[in-house]
Amino acid sequence: AGARDTAAIQMKLDELIRAAENADDLLVGIEER
């Protein structure tokens, strides 16, 4: 359940990063690093 919740939060954060104009795309998917 925790892994599922964490994955959902990461997806939402990635979407917010993509939507922000001045955001650094380097941060999208950073949890996999």
PDB file of all heavy atoms in Angstrom:
ATOM      1  N   ALA A   1       0.833  -1.207   0.000  1.00  0.00           N
ATOM      2  CA  ALA A   1       0.000   0.000   0.000  1.00  0.00           C
ATOM      3  C   ALA A   1       0.869   1.260   0.000  1.00  0.00           C
ATOM      4  O   ALA A   1       0.580   2.223  -0.706  1.00  0.00           O
ATOM      5  CB  ALA A   1      -0.937   0.003   1.205  1.00  0.00           C
ATOM      6  N   GLY A   2       1.954   1.244   0.768  1.00  0.00           N
ATOM      7  CA  GLY A   2       2.857   2.387   0.805  1.00  0.00           C
ATOM      8  C   GLY A   2       3.549   2.620  -0.526  1.00  0.00           C
ATOM      9  O   GLY A   2       3.695   3.758  -0.976  1.00  0.00           O
ATOM     10  N   ALA A   3       3.972   1.534  -1.174  1.00  0.00           N
ATOM     11  CA  ALA A   3       4.626   1.658  -2.479  1.00  0.00           C
ATOM     12  C   ALA A   3       3.656   2.223  -3.513  1.00  0.00           C
ATOM     13  O   ALA A   3       4.033   3.058  -4.340  1.00  0.00           O
ATOM     14  CB  ALA A   3       5.162   0.304  -2.931  1.00  0.00           C
ATOM     15  N   ARG A   4       2.415   1.794  -3.454  1.00  0.00           N
ATOM     16  CA  ARG A   4       1.401   2.303  -4.391  1.00  0.00           C
ATOM     17  C   ARG A   4       1.161   3.789  -4.165  1.00  0.00           C
ATOM     18  O   ARG A   4       1.105   4.579  -5.109  1.00  0.00           O
ATOM     19  CB  ARG A   4       0.104   1.526  -4.200  1.00  0.00           C
ATOM     20  CG  ARG A   4      -1.031   2.006  -5.069  1.00  0.00           C
ATOM     21  CD  ARG A   4      -2.287   1.183  -4.779  1.00  0.00           C
ATOM     22  NE  ARG A   4      -3.423   1.725  -5.470  1.00  0.00           N
ATOM     23  CZ  ARG A   4      -4.310   2.565  -4.927  1.00  0.00           C
ATOM     24  NH1 ARG A   4      -4.187   2.943  -3.678  1.00  0.00           N
ATOM     25  NH2 ARG A   4      -5.324   3.010  -5.622  1.00  0.00           N
ATOM     26  N   ASP A   5       1.031   4.173  -2.897  1.00  0.00           N
ATOM     27  CA  ASP A   5       0.812   5.584  -2.585  1.00  0.00           C
ATOM     28  C   ASP A   5       2.008   6.430  -3.017  1.00  0.00           C
ATOM     29  O   ASP A   5       1.840   7.521  -3.564  1.00  0.00           O
ATOM     30  CB  ASP A   5       0.563   5.772  -1.089  1.00  0.00           C
ATOM     31  CG  ASP A   5      -0.785   5.239  -0.652  1.00  0.00           C
ATOM     32  OD1 ASP A   5      -1.637   4.980  -1.534  1.00  0.00           O
ATOM     33  OD2 ASP A   5      -0.991   5.073   0.563  1.00  0.00           O
ATOM     34  N   THR A   6       3.214   5.938  -2.768  1.00  0.00           N
ATOM     35  CA  THR A   6       4.412   6.668  -3.154  1.00  0.00           C
ATOM     36  C   THR A   6       4.493   6.829  -4.666  1.00  0.00           C
ATOM     37  O   THR A   6       4.833   7.909  -5.169  1.00  0.00           O
ATOM     38  CB  THR A   6       5.668   5.953  -2.626  1.00  0.00           C
ATOM     39  OG1 THR A   6       5.586   5.879  -1.199  1.00  0.00           O
ATOM     40  CG2 THR A   6       6.931   6.680  -3.025  1.00  0.00           C
ATOM     41  N   ALA A   7       4.174   5.775  -5.406  1.00  0.00           N
ATOM     42  CA  ALA A   7       4.197   5.857  -6.871  1.00  0.00           C
ATOM     43  C   ALA A   7       3.180   6.882  -7.372  1.00  0.00           C
ATOM     44  O   ALA A   7       3.472   7.654  -8.293  1.00  0.00           O
ATOM     45  CB  ALA A   7       3.916   4.487  -7.473  1.00  0.00           C
ATOM     46  N   ALA A   8       2.003   6.909  -6.775  1.00  0.00           N
ATOM     47  CA  ALA A   8       0.979   7.875  -7.182  1.00  0.00           C
ATOM     48  C   ALA A   8       1.441   9.301  -6.901  1.00  0.00           C
ATOM     49  O   ALA A   8       1.256  10.200  -7.729  1.00  0.00           O
ATOM     50  CB  ALA A   8      -0.334   7.586  -6.459  1.00  0.00           C
ATOM     51  N   ILE A   9       2.056   9.526  -5.751  1.00  0.00           N
ATOM     52  CA  ILE A   9       2.555  10.862  -5.416  1.00  0.00           C
ATOM     53  C   ILE A   9       3.653  11.279  -6.395  1.00  0.00           C
ATOM     54  O   ILE A   9       3.682  12.423  -6.856  1.00  0.00           O
ATOM     55  CB  ILE A   9       3.063  10.900  -3.959  1.00  0.00           C
ATOM     56  CG1 ILE A   9       1.881  10.800  -2.991  1.00  0.00           C
ATOM     57  CG2 ILE A   9       3.873  12.168  -3.689  1.00  0.00           C
ATOM     58  CD1 ILE A   9       2.276  10.580  -1.554  1.00  0.00           C
ATOM     59  N   GLN A  10       4.547  10.339  -6.730  1.00  0.00           N
ATOM     60  CA  GLN A  10       5.622  10.660  -7.673  1.00  0.00           C
ATOM     61  C   GLN A  10       5.058  11.025  -9.041  1.00  0.00           C
ATOM     62  O   GLN A  10       5.554  11.944  -9.693  1.00  0.00           O
ATOM     63  CB  GLN A  10       6.598   9.488  -7.797  1.00  0.00           C
ATOM     64  CG  GLN A  10       7.461   9.282  -6.594  1.00  0.00           C
ATOM     65  CD  GLN A  10       8.317  10.487  -6.283  1.00  0.00           C
ATOM     66  OE1 GLN A  10       8.790  11.200  -7.165  1.00  0.00           O
ATOM     67  NE2 GLN A  10       8.510  10.751  -5.001  1.00  0.00           N
ATOM     68  N   MET A  11       4.034  10.322  -9.481  1.00  0.00           N
ATOM     69  CA  MET A  11       3.426  10.636 -10.771  1.00  0.00           C
ATOM     70  C   MET A  11       2.806  12.026 -10.745  1.00  0.00           C
ATOM     71  O   MET A  11       2.925  12.792 -11.711  1.00  0.00           O
ATOM     72  CB  MET A  11       2.390   9.580 -11.148  1.00  0.00           C
ATOM     73  CG  MET A  11       3.024   8.256 -11.511  1.00  0.00           C
ATOM     74  SD  MET A  11       1.939   6.857 -11.873  1.00  0.00           S
ATOM     75  CE  MET A  11       0.330   7.479 -12.024  1.00  0.00           C
ATOM     76  N   LYS A  12       2.149  12.378  -9.660  1.00  0.00           N
ATOM     77  CA  LYS A  12       1.550  13.710  -9.542  1.00  0.00           C
ATOM     78  C   LYS A  12       2.634  14.790  -9.532  1.00  0.00           C
ATOM     79  O   LYS A  12       2.487  15.833 -10.182  1.00  0.00           O
ATOM     80  CB  LYS A  12       0.712  13.797  -8.264  1.00  0.00           C
ATOM     81  CG  LYS A  12      -0.550  12.953  -8.317  1.00  0.00           C
ATOM     82  CD  LYS A  12      -1.264  12.993  -6.987  1.00  0.00           C
ATOM     83  CE  LYS A  12      -2.466  12.076  -6.988  1.00  0.00           C
ATOM     84  NZ  LYS A  12      -3.159  12.095  -5.691  1.00  0.00           N
ATOM     85  N   LEU A  13       3.716  14.552  -8.803  1.00  0.00           N
ATOM     86  CA  LEU A  13       4.798  15.523  -8.761  1.00  0.00           C
ATOM     87  C   LEU A  13       5.450  15.683 -10.132  1.00  0.00           C
ATOM     88  O   LEU A  13       5.776  16.804 -10.549  1.00  0.00           O
ATOM     89  CB  LEU A  13       5.842  15.110  -7.725  1.00  0.00           C
ATOM     90  CG  LEU A  13       5.414  15.236  -6.262  1.00  0.00           C
ATOM     91  CD1 LEU A  13       6.465  14.624  -5.354  1.00  0.00           C
ATOM     92  CD2 LEU A  13       5.159  16.673  -5.894  1.00  0.00           C
ATOM     93  N   ASP A  14       5.641  14.572 -10.838  1.00  0.00           N
ATOM     94  CA  ASP A  14       6.204  14.645 -12.191  1.00  0.00           C
ATOM     95  C   ASP A  14       5.313  15.479 -13.101  1.00  0.00           C
ATOM     96  O   ASP A  14       5.800  16.287 -13.900  1.00  0.00           O
ATOM     97  CB  ASP A  14       6.394  13.248 -12.782  1.00  0.00           C
ATOM     98  CG  ASP A  14       7.555  12.490 -12.150  1.00  0.00           C
ATOM     99  OD1 ASP A  14       8.340  13.111 -11.412  1.00  0.00           O
ATOM    100  OD2 ASP A  14       7.664  11.274 -12.406  1.00  0.00           O
ATOM    101  N   GLU A  15       4.010  15.313 -12.971  1.00  0.00           N
ATOM    102  CA  GLU A  15       3.078  16.084 -13.796  1.00  0.00           C
ATOM    103  C   GLU A  15       3.154  17.573 -13.451  1.00  0.00           C
ATOM    104  O   GLU A  15       3.113  18.427 -14.340  1.00  0.00           O
ATOM    105  CB  GLU A  15       1.655  15.567 -13.606  1.00  0.00           C
ATOM    106  CG  GLU A  15       0.638  16.215 -14.505  1.00  0.00           C
ATOM    107  CD  GLU A  15       0.891  15.984 -15.992  1.00  0.00           C
ATOM    108  OE1 GLU A  15       1.539  14.979 -16.344  1.00  0.00           O
ATOM    109  OE2 GLU A  15       0.447  16.822 -16.796  1.00  0.00           O
ATOM    110  N   LEU A  16       3.291  17.894 -12.186  1.00  0.00           N
ATOM    111  CA  LEU A  16       3.437  19.296 -11.784  1.00  0.00           C
ATOM    112  C   LEU A  16       4.736  19.892 -12.330  1.00  0.00           C
ATOM    113  O   LEU A  16       4.761  21.043 -12.757  1.00  0.00           O
ATOM    114  CB  LEU A  16       3.401  19.425 -10.262  1.00  0.00           C
ATOM    115  CG  LEU A  16       2.037  19.208  -9.610  1.00  0.00           C
ATOM    116  CD1 LEU A  16       2.184  19.183  -8.094  1.00  0.00           C
ATOM    117  CD2 LEU A  16       1.072  20.285 -10.041  1.00  0.00           C
ATOM    118  N   ILE A  17       5.811  19.126 -12.321  1.00  0.00           N
ATOM    119  CA  ILE A  17       7.080  19.606 -12.864  1.00  0.00           C
ATOM    120  C   ILE A  17       6.942  19.876 -14.358  1.00  0.00           C
ATOM    121  O   ILE A  17       7.401  20.895 -14.869  1.00  0.00           O
ATOM    122  CB  ILE A  17       8.217  18.595 -12.590  1.00  0.00           C
ATOM    123  CG1 ILE A  17       8.524  18.538 -11.089  1.00  0.00           C
ATOM    124  CG2 ILE A  17       9.468  18.959 -13.380  1.00  0.00           C
ATOM    125  CD1 ILE A  17       9.431  17.391 -10.691  1.00  0.00           C
ATOM    126  N   ARG A  18       6.287  18.955 -15.078  1.00  0.00           N
ATOM    127  CA  ARG A  18       6.093  19.144 -16.514  1.00  0.00           C
ATOM    128  C   ARG A  18       5.228  20.370 -16.806  1.00  0.00           C
ATOM    129  O   ARG A  18       5.420  21.051 -17.809  1.00  0.00           O
ATOM    130  CB  ARG A  18       5.435  17.902 -17.124  1.00  0.00           C
ATOM    131  CG  ARG A  18       6.365  16.737 -17.283  1.00  0.00           C
ATOM    132  CD  ARG A  18       5.673  15.604 -18.050  1.00  0.00           C
ATOM    133  NE  ARG A  18       6.363  14.359 -17.828  1.00  0.00           N
ATOM    134  CZ  ARG A  18       5.988  13.413 -16.963  1.00  0.00           C
ATOM    135  NH1 ARG A  18       4.895  13.554 -16.262  1.00  0.00           N
ATOM    136  NH2 ARG A  18       6.699  12.321 -16.823  1.00  0.00           N
ATOM    137  N   ALA A  19       4.276  20.664 -15.933  1.00  0.00           N
ATOM    138  CA  ALA A  19       3.344  21.770 -16.161  1.00  0.00           C
ATOM    139  C   ALA A  19       3.969  23.127 -15.841  1.00  0.00           C
ATOM    140  O   ALA A  19       3.557  24.135 -16.411  1.00  0.00           O
ATOM    141  CB  ALA A  19       2.083  21.574 -15.323  1.00  0.00           C
ATOM    142  N   ALA A  20       4.952  23.153 -14.951  1.00  0.00           N
ATOM    143  CA  ALA A  20       5.575  24.421 -14.571  1.00  0.00           C
ATOM    144  C   ALA A  20       6.490  24.900 -15.696  1.00  0.00           C
ATOM    145  O   ALA A  20       7.270  24.127 -16.250  1.00  0.00           O
ATOM    146  CB  ALA A  20       6.359  24.253 -13.276  1.00  0.00           C
ATOM    147  N   GLU A  21       6.393  26.172 -16.021  1.00  0.00           N
ATOM    148  CA  GLU A  21       7.148  26.721 -17.151  1.00  0.00           C
ATOM    149  C   GLU A  21       8.655  26.708 -16.925  1.00  0.00           C
ATOM    150  O   GLU A  21       9.417  26.344 -17.804  1.00  0.00           O
ATOM    151  CB  GLU A  21       6.687  28.149 -17.433  1.00  0.00           C
ATOM    152  CG  GLU A  21       5.340  28.223 -18.103  1.00  0.00           C
ATOM    153  CD  GLU A  21       4.969  29.650 -18.432  1.00  0.00           C
ATOM    154  OE1 GLU A  21       5.871  30.470 -18.662  1.00  0.00           O
ATOM    155  OE2 GLU A  21       3.771  29.932 -18.455  1.00  0.00           O
ATOM    156  N   ASN A  22       9.108  27.119 -15.766  1.00  0.00           N
ATOM    157  CA  ASN A  22      10.543  27.244 -15.511  1.00  0.00           C
ATOM    158  C   ASN A  22      11.133  26.040 -14.790  1.00  0.00           C
ATOM    159  O   ASN A  22      12.239  26.118 -14.275  1.00  0.00           O
ATOM    160  CB  ASN A  22      10.819  28.516 -14.698  1.00  0.00           C
ATOM    161  CG  ASN A  22      10.443  29.758 -15.464  1.00  0.00           C
ATOM    162  OD1 ASN A  22      10.559  29.788 -16.682  1.00  0.00           O
ATOM    163  ND2 ASN A  22       9.980  30.765 -14.751  1.00  0.00           N
ATOM    164  N   ALA A  23      10.406  24.947 -14.725  1.00  0.00           N
ATOM    165  CA  ALA A  23      10.889  23.773 -13.999  1.00  0.00           C
ATOM    166  C   ALA A  23      11.974  23.063 -14.786  1.00  0.00           C
ATOM    167  O   ALA A  23      12.009  23.084 -16.012  1.00  0.00           O
ATOM    168  CB  ALA A  23       9.733  22.820 -13.729  1.00  0.00           C
ATOM    169  N   ASP A  24      12.866  22.420 -14.060  1.00  0.00           N
ATOM    170  CA  ASP A  24      13.956  21.662 -14.664  1.00  0.00           C
ATOM    171  C   ASP A  24      13.465  20.234 -14.905  1.00  0.00           C
ATOM    172  O   ASP A  24      13.129  19.520 -13.963  1.00  0.00           O
ATOM    173  CB  ASP A  24      15.156  21.663 -13.714  1.00  0.00           C
ATOM    174  CG  ASP A  24      16.398  21.066 -14.327  1.00  0.00           C
ATOM    175  OD1 ASP A  24      16.312  20.504 -15.441  1.00  0.00           O
ATOM    176  OD2 ASP A  24      17.457  21.159 -13.691  1.00  0.00           O
ATOM    177  N   ASP A  25      13.421  19.825 -16.171  1.00  0.00           N
ATOM    178  CA  ASP A  25      12.953  18.469 -16.501  1.00  0.00           C
ATOM    179  C   ASP A  25      13.854  17.380 -15.952  1.00  0.00           C
ATOM    180  O   ASP A  25      13.483  16.208 -15.940  1.00  0.00           O
ATOM    181  CB  ASP A  25      12.818  18.306 -18.018  1.00  0.00           C
ATOM    182  CG  ASP A  25      11.622  19.057 -18.572  1.00  0.00           C
ATOM    183  OD1 ASP A  25      10.754  19.420 -17.760  1.00  0.00           O
ATOM    184  OD2 ASP A  25      11.559  19.261 -19.796  1.00  0.00           O
ATOM    185  N   LEU A  26      15.040  17.745 -15.481  1.00  0.00           N
ATOM    186  CA  LEU A  26      15.950  16.774 -14.874  1.00  0.00           C
ATOM    187  C   LEU A  26      15.301  16.115 -13.653  1.00  0.00           C
ATOM    188  O   LEU A  26      15.611  14.984 -13.317  1.00  0.00           O
ATOM    189  CB  LEU A  26      17.248  17.486 -14.465  1.00  0.00           C
ATOM    190  CG  LEU A  26      18.289  16.675 -13.708  1.00  0.00           C
ATOM    191  CD1 LEU A  26      18.898  15.628 -14.648  1.00  0.00           C
ATOM    192  CD2 LEU A  26      19.362  17.566 -13.148  1.00  0.00           C
ATOM    193  N   LEU A  27      14.373  16.818 -13.025  1.00  0.00           N
ATOM    194  CA  LEU A  27      13.752  16.305 -11.802  1.00  0.00           C
ATOM    195  C   LEU A  27      12.634  15.299 -12.069  1.00  0.00           C
ATOM    196  O   LEU A  27      12.221  14.585 -11.163  1.00  0.00           O
ATOM    197  CB  LEU A  27      13.223  17.459 -10.961  1.00  0.00           C
ATOM    198  CG  LEU A  27      14.283  18.453 -10.476  1.00  0.00           C
ATOM    199  CD1 LEU A  27      13.623  19.590  -9.719  1.00  0.00           C
ATOM    200  CD2 LEU A  27      15.317  17.760  -9.637  1.00  0.00           C
ATOM    201  N   VAL A  28      12.149  15.222 -13.294  1.00  0.00           N
ATOM    202  CA  VAL A  28      11.101  14.251 -13.610  1.00  0.00           C
ATOM    203  C   VAL A  28      11.712  12.847 -13.537  1.00  0.00           C
ATOM    204  O   VAL A  28      12.723  12.566 -14.158  1.00  0.00           O
ATOM    205  CB  VAL A  28      10.502  14.505 -15.010  1.00  0.00           C
ATOM    206  CG1 VAL A  28       9.551  13.385 -15.390  1.00  0.00           C
ATOM    207  CG2 VAL A  28       9.793  15.843 -15.048  1.00  0.00           C
ATOM    208  N   GLY A  29      11.105  11.984 -12.761  1.00  0.00           N
ATOM    209  CA  GLY A  29      11.585  10.610 -12.619  1.00  0.00           C
ATOM    210  C   GLY A  29      12.833  10.484 -11.772  1.00  0.00           C
ATOM    211  O   GLY A  29      13.528   9.477 -11.816  1.00  0.00           O
ATOM    212  N   ILE A  30      13.113  11.486 -10.953  1.00  0.00           N
ATOM    213  CA  ILE A  30      14.345  11.491 -10.155  1.00  0.00           C
ATOM    214  C   ILE A  30      14.378  10.358  -9.132  1.00  0.00           C
ATOM    215  O   ILE A  30      15.438   9.924  -8.710  1.00  0.00           O
ATOM    216  CB  ILE A  30      14.536  12.868  -9.477  1.00  0.00           C
ATOM    217  CG1 ILE A  30      15.981  13.027  -9.018  1.00  0.00           C
ATOM    218  CG2 ILE A  30      13.548  13.056  -8.351  1.00  0.00           C
ATOM    219  CD1 ILE A  30      16.319  14.430  -8.581  1.00  0.00           C
ATOM    220  N   GLU A  31      13.205   9.843  -8.750  1.00  0.00           N
ATOM    221  CA  GLU A  31      13.155   8.775  -7.750  1.00  0.00           C
ATOM    222  C   GLU A  31      13.807   7.487  -8.252  1.00  0.00           C
ATOM    223  O   GLU A  31      14.134   6.598  -7.465  1.00  0.00           O
ATOM    224  CB  GLU A  31      11.712   8.503  -7.309  1.00  0.00           C
ATOM    225  CG  GLU A  31      10.823   7.900  -8.365  1.00  0.00           C
ATOM    226  CD  GLU A  31      10.238   8.913  -9.327  1.00  0.00           C
ATOM    227  OE1 GLU A  31      10.520  10.117  -9.235  1.00  0.00           O
ATOM    228  OE2 GLU A  31       9.470   8.473 -10.189  1.00  0.00           O
ATOM    229  N   GLU A  32      14.033   7.395  -9.553  1.00  0.00           N
ATOM    230  CA  GLU A  32      14.658   6.201 -10.136  1.00  0.00           C
ATOM    231  C   GLU A  32      16.186   6.289 -10.138  1.00  0.00           C
ATOM    232  O   GLU A  32      16.859   5.330 -10.479  1.00  0.00           O
ATOM    233  CB  GLU A  32      14.173   6.005 -11.579  1.00  0.00           C
ATOM    234  CG  GLU A  32      12.668   5.878 -11.716  1.00  0.00           C
ATOM    235  CD  GLU A  32      12.118   4.618 -11.068  1.00  0.00           C
ATOM    236  OE1 GLU A  32      12.837   3.596 -11.045  1.00  0.00           O
ATOM    237  OE2 GLU A  32      10.980   4.674 -10.570  1.00  0.00           O
ATOM    238  N   ARG A  33      16.728   7.426  -9.758  1.00  0.00           N
ATOM    239  CA  ARG A  33      18.184   7.631  -9.791  1.00  0.00           C
ATOM    240  C   ARG A  33      18.865   6.965  -8.607  1.00  0.00           C
ATOM    241  O   ARG A  33      18.255   6.694  -7.579  1.00  0.00           O
ATOM    242  CB  ARG A  33      18.509   9.134  -9.771  1.00  0.00           C
ATOM    243  CG  ARG A  33      17.834   9.943 -10.817  1.00  0.00           C
ATOM    244  CD  ARG A  33      18.626   9.942 -12.092  1.00  0.00           C
ATOM    245  NE  ARG A  33      17.963  10.757 -13.098  1.00  0.00           N
ATOM    246  CZ  ARG A  33      18.554  11.717 -13.757  1.00  0.00           C
ATOM    247  NH1 ARG A  33      19.801  12.005 -13.538  1.00  0.00           N
ATOM    248  NH2 ARG A  33      17.878  12.390 -14.658  1.00  0.00           N
TER     249      ARG A  33
END
